[in-house]
Amino acid sequence: MIKNKTDFIEWIDLQLDVEIPDDIIAFNINIYESPFNIEIIGSSEYTPDDDDWACNEDWIPVKRISQISDELFEDSWQKAELNIISFTESYLSSNSKNVNKLKLAKALTVGFVDGDLNYVQ
């Protein structure tokens, strides 16, 4: 279960600790509500003007869904989204083993499933 920034960084680094196909050019972190879960997917397509690129699941990790602590949601889904965006930015500025896999992507987004994407990179 992801309870804080440290857990998130460990989770995402573990998700990326596999061979990711060369055609994966963008990543999206999906947030689910009821129950609160998270996943990362990779896409071989990216279109900045069309968020539907993030619906392509051309790469998914073996353990797809991870649970998020209710504490990260505090009093609203907006706060949860801001926390996950902040954790993602922290990961990108870390020296984690697999961070370059995301830094080299054309896009990295975070958002609730069926919601708007927030571009982190």
N, C-alpha and C. Protein backbone atom coordinates (compact mmCIF):
# COMPACT_ATOMS: atom_id res chain seq x y z
N MET A 1 0.84 -1.18 0.00
CA MET A 1 0.00 0.00 0.00
C MET A 1 0.88 1.24 0.00
N ILE A 2 0.50 2.21 -0.80
CA ILE A 2 1.23 3.47 -0.88
C ILE A 2 0.65 4.43 0.14
N LYS A 3 1.49 4.82 1.12
CA LYS A 3 1.04 5.68 2.20
C LYS A 3 1.68 7.06 2.18
N ASN A 4 2.82 7.19 1.44
CA ASN A 4 3.56 8.45 1.47
C ASN A 4 4.47 8.53 0.25
N LYS A 5 5.25 9.60 0.17
CA LYS A 5 6.14 9.83 -0.97
C LYS A 5 7.17 8.72 -1.10
N THR A 6 7.72 8.26 0.00
CA THR A 6 8.73 7.20 -0.04
C THR A 6 8.14 5.92 -0.63
N ASP A 7 6.95 5.56 -0.17
CA ASP A 7 6.28 4.37 -0.72
C ASP A 7 6.03 4.53 -2.22
N PHE A 8 5.60 5.72 -2.63
CA PHE A 8 5.33 5.97 -4.04
C PHE A 8 6.59 5.81 -4.88
N ILE A 9 7.68 6.40 -4.43
CA ILE A 9 8.94 6.32 -5.18
C ILE A 9 9.41 4.87 -5.29
N GLU A 10 9.29 4.11 -4.21
CA GLU A 10 9.66 2.69 -4.26
C GLU A 10 8.74 1.94 -5.22
N TRP A 11 7.44 2.25 -5.17
CA TRP A 11 6.47 1.58 -6.03
C TRP A 11 6.77 1.84 -7.50
N ILE A 12 6.93 3.10 -7.88
CA ILE A 12 7.10 3.42 -9.29
C ILE A 12 8.44 2.90 -9.81
N ASP A 13 9.47 2.94 -8.98
CA ASP A 13 10.77 2.42 -9.40
C ASP A 13 10.70 0.91 -9.63
N LEU A 14 9.95 0.23 -8.79
CA LEU A 14 9.77 -1.22 -8.96
C LEU A 14 8.95 -1.52 -10.22
N GLN A 15 7.91 -0.73 -10.49
CA GLN A 15 7.10 -0.93 -11.69
C GLN A 15 7.95 -0.80 -12.96
N LEU A 16 8.89 0.13 -12.93
CA LEU A 16 9.72 0.41 -14.10
C LEU A 16 10.96 -0.47 -14.19
N ASP A 17 11.16 -1.35 -13.22
CA ASP A 17 12.36 -2.18 -13.16
C ASP A 17 12.21 -3.43 -14.03
N VAL A 18 11.81 -3.20 -15.26
CA VAL A 18 11.64 -4.26 -16.26
C VAL A 18 12.07 -3.70 -17.61
N GLU A 19 12.18 -4.58 -18.56
CA GLU A 19 12.46 -4.15 -19.94
C GLU A 19 11.19 -3.52 -20.50
N ILE A 20 11.26 -2.27 -20.86
CA ILE A 20 10.11 -1.58 -21.45
C ILE A 20 10.38 -1.48 -22.95
N PRO A 21 9.42 -1.90 -23.77
CA PRO A 21 9.63 -1.89 -25.22
C PRO A 21 10.04 -0.50 -25.73
N ASP A 22 10.87 -0.50 -26.75
CA ASP A 22 11.38 0.74 -27.33
C ASP A 22 10.28 1.63 -27.90
N ASP A 23 9.15 1.04 -28.29
CA ASP A 23 8.10 1.85 -28.90
C ASP A 23 7.23 2.59 -27.87
N ILE A 24 7.47 2.39 -26.59
CA ILE A 24 6.72 3.10 -25.55
C ILE A 24 7.31 4.51 -25.43
N ILE A 25 6.48 5.51 -25.75
CA ILE A 25 6.99 6.89 -25.78
C ILE A 25 6.34 7.81 -24.76
N ALA A 26 5.29 7.31 -24.08
CA ALA A 26 4.59 8.15 -23.10
C ALA A 26 4.04 7.27 -21.98
N PHE A 27 3.92 7.86 -20.80
CA PHE A 27 3.42 7.14 -19.63
C PHE A 27 2.30 7.94 -18.98
N ASN A 28 1.35 7.20 -18.41
CA ASN A 28 0.26 7.82 -17.67
C ASN A 28 0.09 7.08 -16.35
N ILE A 29 -0.06 7.85 -15.28
CA ILE A 29 -0.37 7.28 -13.97
C ILE A 29 -1.86 7.50 -13.74
N ASN A 30 -2.59 6.39 -13.71
CA ASN A 30 -4.03 6.42 -13.49
C ASN A 30 -4.32 6.34 -12.00
N ILE A 31 -5.29 7.11 -11.56
CA ILE A 31 -5.76 7.05 -10.18
C ILE A 31 -7.22 6.60 -10.23
N TYR A 32 -7.54 5.62 -9.40
CA TYR A 32 -8.90 5.09 -9.31
C TYR A 32 -9.50 5.46 -7.96
N GLU A 33 -10.79 5.70 -7.95
CA GLU A 33 -11.50 6.04 -6.72
C GLU A 33 -12.50 4.93 -6.39
N SER A 34 -12.59 4.60 -5.12
CA SER A 34 -13.53 3.60 -4.58
C SER A 34 -13.32 2.21 -5.13
N PRO A 35 -12.34 1.48 -4.71
CA PRO A 35 -11.31 1.87 -3.74
C PRO A 35 -10.22 2.69 -4.41
N PHE A 36 -9.42 3.31 -3.60
CA PHE A 36 -8.34 4.16 -4.11
C PHE A 36 -7.15 3.30 -4.52
N ASN A 37 -6.88 3.31 -5.82
CA ASN A 37 -5.80 2.54 -6.40
C ASN A 37 -5.03 3.39 -7.40
N ILE A 38 -3.89 2.86 -7.81
CA ILE A 38 -3.04 3.57 -8.76
C ILE A 38 -2.39 2.55 -9.69
N GLU A 39 -2.08 3.00 -10.90
CA GLU A 39 -1.35 2.17 -11.84
C GLU A 39 -0.56 3.08 -12.78
N ILE A 40 0.43 2.50 -13.44
CA ILE A 40 1.16 3.22 -14.50
C ILE A 40 1.04 2.38 -15.77
N ILE A 41 0.79 3.07 -16.87
CA ILE A 41 0.73 2.40 -18.17
C ILE A 41 1.65 3.14 -19.14
N GLY A 42 2.07 2.43 -20.16
CA GLY A 42 2.88 3.04 -21.22
C GLY A 42 2.15 2.96 -22.54
N SER A 43 2.35 3.97 -23.36
CA SER A 43 1.69 4.05 -24.65
C SER A 43 2.71 4.22 -25.77
N SER A 44 2.43 3.60 -26.90
CA SER A 44 3.29 3.77 -28.08
C SER A 44 2.85 4.96 -28.91
N GLU A 45 1.79 5.65 -28.44
CA GLU A 45 1.29 6.84 -29.12
C GLU A 45 1.28 8.00 -28.13
N TYR A 46 1.43 9.19 -28.67
CA TYR A 46 1.30 10.39 -27.85
C TYR A 46 0.84 11.54 -28.74
N THR A 47 -0.26 12.15 -28.36
CA THR A 47 -0.78 13.31 -29.07
C THR A 47 -1.12 14.37 -28.03
N PRO A 48 -0.36 15.46 -27.99
CA PRO A 48 -0.60 16.46 -26.94
C PRO A 48 -1.99 17.10 -26.98
N ASP A 49 -2.62 17.10 -28.15
CA ASP A 49 -3.93 17.73 -28.28
C ASP A 49 -5.09 16.75 -28.07
N ASP A 50 -4.79 15.48 -27.85
CA ASP A 50 -5.83 14.47 -27.71
C ASP A 50 -5.46 13.54 -26.56
N ASP A 51 -6.13 13.70 -25.43
CA ASP A 51 -5.83 12.90 -24.24
C ASP A 51 -6.13 11.41 -24.40
N ASP A 52 -6.79 11.04 -25.48
CA ASP A 52 -7.10 9.62 -25.68
C ASP A 52 -5.87 8.75 -25.88
N TRP A 53 -4.72 9.35 -26.15
CA TRP A 53 -3.50 8.55 -26.26
C TRP A 53 -3.27 7.74 -24.98
N ALA A 54 -3.69 8.31 -23.85
CA ALA A 54 -3.45 7.66 -22.56
C ALA A 54 -4.36 6.44 -22.35
N CYS A 55 -5.31 6.22 -23.24
CA CYS A 55 -6.16 5.02 -23.15
C CYS A 55 -5.46 3.80 -23.74
N ASN A 56 -4.40 4.04 -24.51
CA ASN A 56 -3.64 2.92 -25.07
C ASN A 56 -2.81 2.29 -23.96
N GLU A 57 -2.97 1.03 -23.77
CA GLU A 57 -2.20 0.32 -22.76
C GLU A 57 -1.26 -0.64 -23.46
N ASP A 58 -0.25 -0.07 -24.13
CA ASP A 58 0.70 -0.87 -24.89
C ASP A 58 1.74 -1.53 -23.99
N TRP A 59 1.90 -0.99 -22.79
CA TRP A 59 2.76 -1.60 -21.77
C TRP A 59 2.10 -1.43 -20.41
N ILE A 60 2.02 -2.52 -19.67
CA ILE A 60 1.55 -2.47 -18.29
C ILE A 60 2.47 -3.34 -17.46
N PRO A 61 2.72 -2.96 -16.22
CA PRO A 61 3.58 -3.78 -15.37
C PRO A 61 2.89 -5.08 -14.97
N VAL A 62 3.67 -6.03 -14.48
CA VAL A 62 3.13 -7.32 -14.09
C VAL A 62 2.10 -7.16 -12.97
N LYS A 63 2.46 -6.43 -11.92
CA LYS A 63 1.51 -6.16 -10.83
C LYS A 63 0.88 -4.81 -11.14
N ARG A 64 -0.23 -4.85 -11.80
CA ARG A 64 -0.81 -3.66 -12.41
C ARG A 64 -1.33 -2.63 -11.40
N ILE A 65 -2.13 -3.03 -10.46
CA ILE A 65 -2.83 -2.10 -9.57
C ILE A 65 -2.22 -2.17 -8.16
N SER A 66 -2.02 -1.00 -7.57
CA SER A 66 -1.56 -0.91 -6.18
C SER A 66 -2.52 -0.01 -5.42
N GLN A 67 -2.73 -0.35 -4.18
CA GLN A 67 -3.67 0.40 -3.35
C GLN A 67 -3.00 1.65 -2.77
N ILE A 68 -3.79 2.71 -2.66
CA ILE A 68 -3.33 3.98 -2.07
C ILE A 68 -4.06 4.17 -0.74
N SER A 69 -3.33 4.62 0.25
CA SER A 69 -3.93 4.90 1.55
C SER A 69 -4.96 6.02 1.45
N ASP A 70 -6.06 5.86 2.17
CA ASP A 70 -7.08 6.91 2.21
C ASP A 70 -6.52 8.23 2.73
N GLU A 71 -5.46 8.17 3.51
CA GLU A 71 -4.85 9.38 4.08
C GLU A 71 -4.34 10.32 2.99
N LEU A 72 -3.93 9.78 1.86
CA LEU A 72 -3.45 10.64 0.76
C LEU A 72 -4.58 11.45 0.14
N PHE A 73 -5.80 11.02 0.36
CA PHE A 73 -6.95 11.72 -0.21
C PHE A 73 -7.42 12.85 0.70
N GLU A 74 -6.97 12.82 1.95
CA GLU A 74 -7.34 13.85 2.91
C GLU A 74 -8.83 14.13 2.81
N ASP A 75 -9.23 15.27 2.30
CA ASP A 75 -10.65 15.60 2.27
C ASP A 75 -11.25 15.70 0.86
N SER A 76 -10.43 15.40 -0.17
CA SER A 76 -10.98 15.52 -1.52
C SER A 76 -10.14 14.76 -2.54
N TRP A 77 -10.77 14.44 -3.65
CA TRP A 77 -10.04 13.77 -4.73
C TRP A 77 -9.01 14.72 -5.33
N GLN A 78 -9.28 16.03 -5.29
CA GLN A 78 -8.33 17.00 -5.83
C GLN A 78 -7.01 16.97 -5.03
N LYS A 79 -7.14 16.85 -3.72
CA LYS A 79 -5.94 16.78 -2.88
C LYS A 79 -5.14 15.52 -3.18
N ALA A 80 -5.84 14.42 -3.39
CA ALA A 80 -5.17 13.17 -3.74
C ALA A 80 -4.39 13.32 -5.04
N GLU A 81 -5.03 13.93 -6.03
CA GLU A 81 -4.38 14.13 -7.32
C GLU A 81 -3.15 15.01 -7.17
N LEU A 82 -3.26 16.07 -6.39
CA LEU A 82 -2.11 16.95 -6.15
C LEU A 82 -0.99 16.20 -5.44
N ASN A 83 -1.33 15.32 -4.49
CA ASN A 83 -0.31 14.53 -3.80
C ASN A 83 0.41 13.60 -4.77
N ILE A 84 -0.33 12.93 -5.65
CA ILE A 84 0.29 12.01 -6.60
C ILE A 84 1.15 12.78 -7.60
N ILE A 85 0.70 13.93 -8.04
CA ILE A 85 1.51 14.77 -8.94
C ILE A 85 2.81 15.18 -8.23
N SER A 86 2.70 15.61 -7.00
CA SER A 86 3.87 16.01 -6.23
C SER A 86 4.85 14.84 -6.06
N PHE A 87 4.31 13.67 -5.76
CA PHE A 87 5.16 12.48 -5.60
C PHE A 87 5.86 12.14 -6.92
N THR A 88 5.13 12.30 -8.02
CA THR A 88 5.71 12.02 -9.34
C THR A 88 6.84 13.00 -9.65
N GLU A 89 6.63 14.26 -9.33
CA GLU A 89 7.70 15.26 -9.53
C GLU A 89 8.90 14.94 -8.66
N SER A 90 8.67 14.49 -7.45
CA SER A 90 9.78 14.10 -6.57
C SER A 90 10.54 12.92 -7.15
N TYR A 91 9.82 11.97 -7.71
CA TYR A 91 10.49 10.83 -8.35
C TYR A 91 11.36 11.31 -9.50
N LEU A 92 10.85 12.21 -10.32
CA LEU A 92 11.62 12.70 -11.47
C LEU A 92 12.89 13.43 -11.05
N SER A 93 12.89 14.02 -9.88
CA SER A 93 14.08 14.74 -9.42
C SER A 93 14.97 13.86 -8.53
N SER A 94 14.62 12.60 -8.41
CA SER A 94 15.41 11.68 -7.58
C SER A 94 16.53 11.03 -8.39
N ASN A 95 17.33 10.28 -7.70
CA ASN A 95 18.39 9.50 -8.35
C ASN A 95 18.00 8.03 -8.43
N SER A 96 16.72 7.77 -8.47
CA SER A 96 16.23 6.40 -8.49
C SER A 96 16.72 5.66 -9.73
N LYS A 97 16.81 4.36 -9.57
CA LYS A 97 17.37 3.48 -10.59
C LYS A 97 16.73 3.63 -11.98
N ASN A 98 15.42 3.77 -12.04
CA ASN A 98 14.71 3.74 -13.32
C ASN A 98 14.12 5.07 -13.75
N VAL A 99 14.52 6.14 -13.10
CA VAL A 99 13.92 7.45 -13.37
C VAL A 99 14.12 7.89 -14.83
N ASN A 100 15.22 7.51 -15.44
CA ASN A 100 15.47 7.94 -16.82
C ASN A 100 14.46 7.36 -17.81
N LYS A 101 13.84 6.24 -17.47
CA LYS A 101 12.82 5.68 -18.35
C LYS A 101 11.65 6.65 -18.51
N LEU A 102 11.36 7.41 -17.47
CA LEU A 102 10.30 8.42 -17.56
C LEU A 102 10.83 9.73 -18.11
N LYS A 103 12.03 10.10 -17.73
CA LYS A 103 12.59 11.37 -18.21
C LYS A 103 12.77 11.39 -19.72
N LEU A 104 13.02 10.23 -20.32
CA LEU A 104 13.23 10.17 -21.76
C LEU A 104 11.93 10.10 -22.56
N ALA A 105 10.82 9.93 -21.86
CA ALA A 105 9.52 9.83 -22.54
C ALA A 105 9.08 11.19 -23.09
N LYS A 106 8.24 11.15 -24.11
CA LYS A 106 7.69 12.39 -24.67
C LYS A 106 6.69 13.03 -23.72
N ALA A 107 6.04 12.20 -22.89
CA ALA A 107 5.05 12.74 -21.96
C ALA A 107 4.93 11.83 -20.75
N LEU A 108 4.62 12.46 -19.63
CA LEU A 108 4.28 11.76 -18.40
C LEU A 108 3.11 12.52 -17.79
N THR A 109 2.00 11.83 -17.61
CA THR A 109 0.81 12.48 -17.08
C THR A 109 0.29 11.72 -15.86
N VAL A 110 -0.55 12.41 -15.10
CA VAL A 110 -1.22 11.85 -13.93
C VAL A 110 -2.67 12.29 -13.97
N GLY A 111 -3.57 11.39 -13.63
CA GLY A 111 -4.97 11.79 -13.56
C GLY A 111 -5.89 10.66 -13.18
N PHE A 112 -7.07 11.04 -12.74
CA PHE A 112 -8.09 10.05 -12.44
C PHE A 112 -8.59 9.43 -13.74
N VAL A 113 -8.91 8.15 -13.69
CA VAL A 113 -9.49 7.48 -14.84
C VAL A 113 -10.75 8.24 -15.23
N ASP A 114 -10.91 8.50 -16.50
CA ASP A 114 -12.03 9.27 -17.06
C ASP A 114 -11.99 10.74 -16.66
N GLY A 115 -10.86 11.20 -16.14
CA GLY A 115 -10.71 12.62 -15.81
C GLY A 115 -9.68 13.28 -16.70
N ASP A 116 -9.37 14.51 -16.40
CA ASP A 116 -8.37 15.25 -17.17
C ASP A 116 -6.97 14.77 -16.82
N LEU A 117 -6.09 14.84 -17.81
CA LEU A 117 -4.68 14.51 -17.58
C LEU A 117 -3.94 15.74 -17.12
N ASN A 118 -3.03 15.55 -16.19
CA ASN A 118 -2.15 16.61 -15.72
C ASN A 118 -0.74 16.28 -16.21
N TYR A 119 -0.22 17.14 -17.05
CA TYR A 119 1.11 16.89 -17.61
C TYR A 119 2.17 17.23 -16.57
N VAL A 120 2.96 16.23 -16.24
CA VAL A 120 4.05 16.42 -15.29
C VAL A 120 5.33 16.68 -16.07
N GLN A 121 5.42 16.07 -17.21
CA GLN A 121 6.61 16.25 -18.08
C GLN A 121 6.18 16.11 -19.53
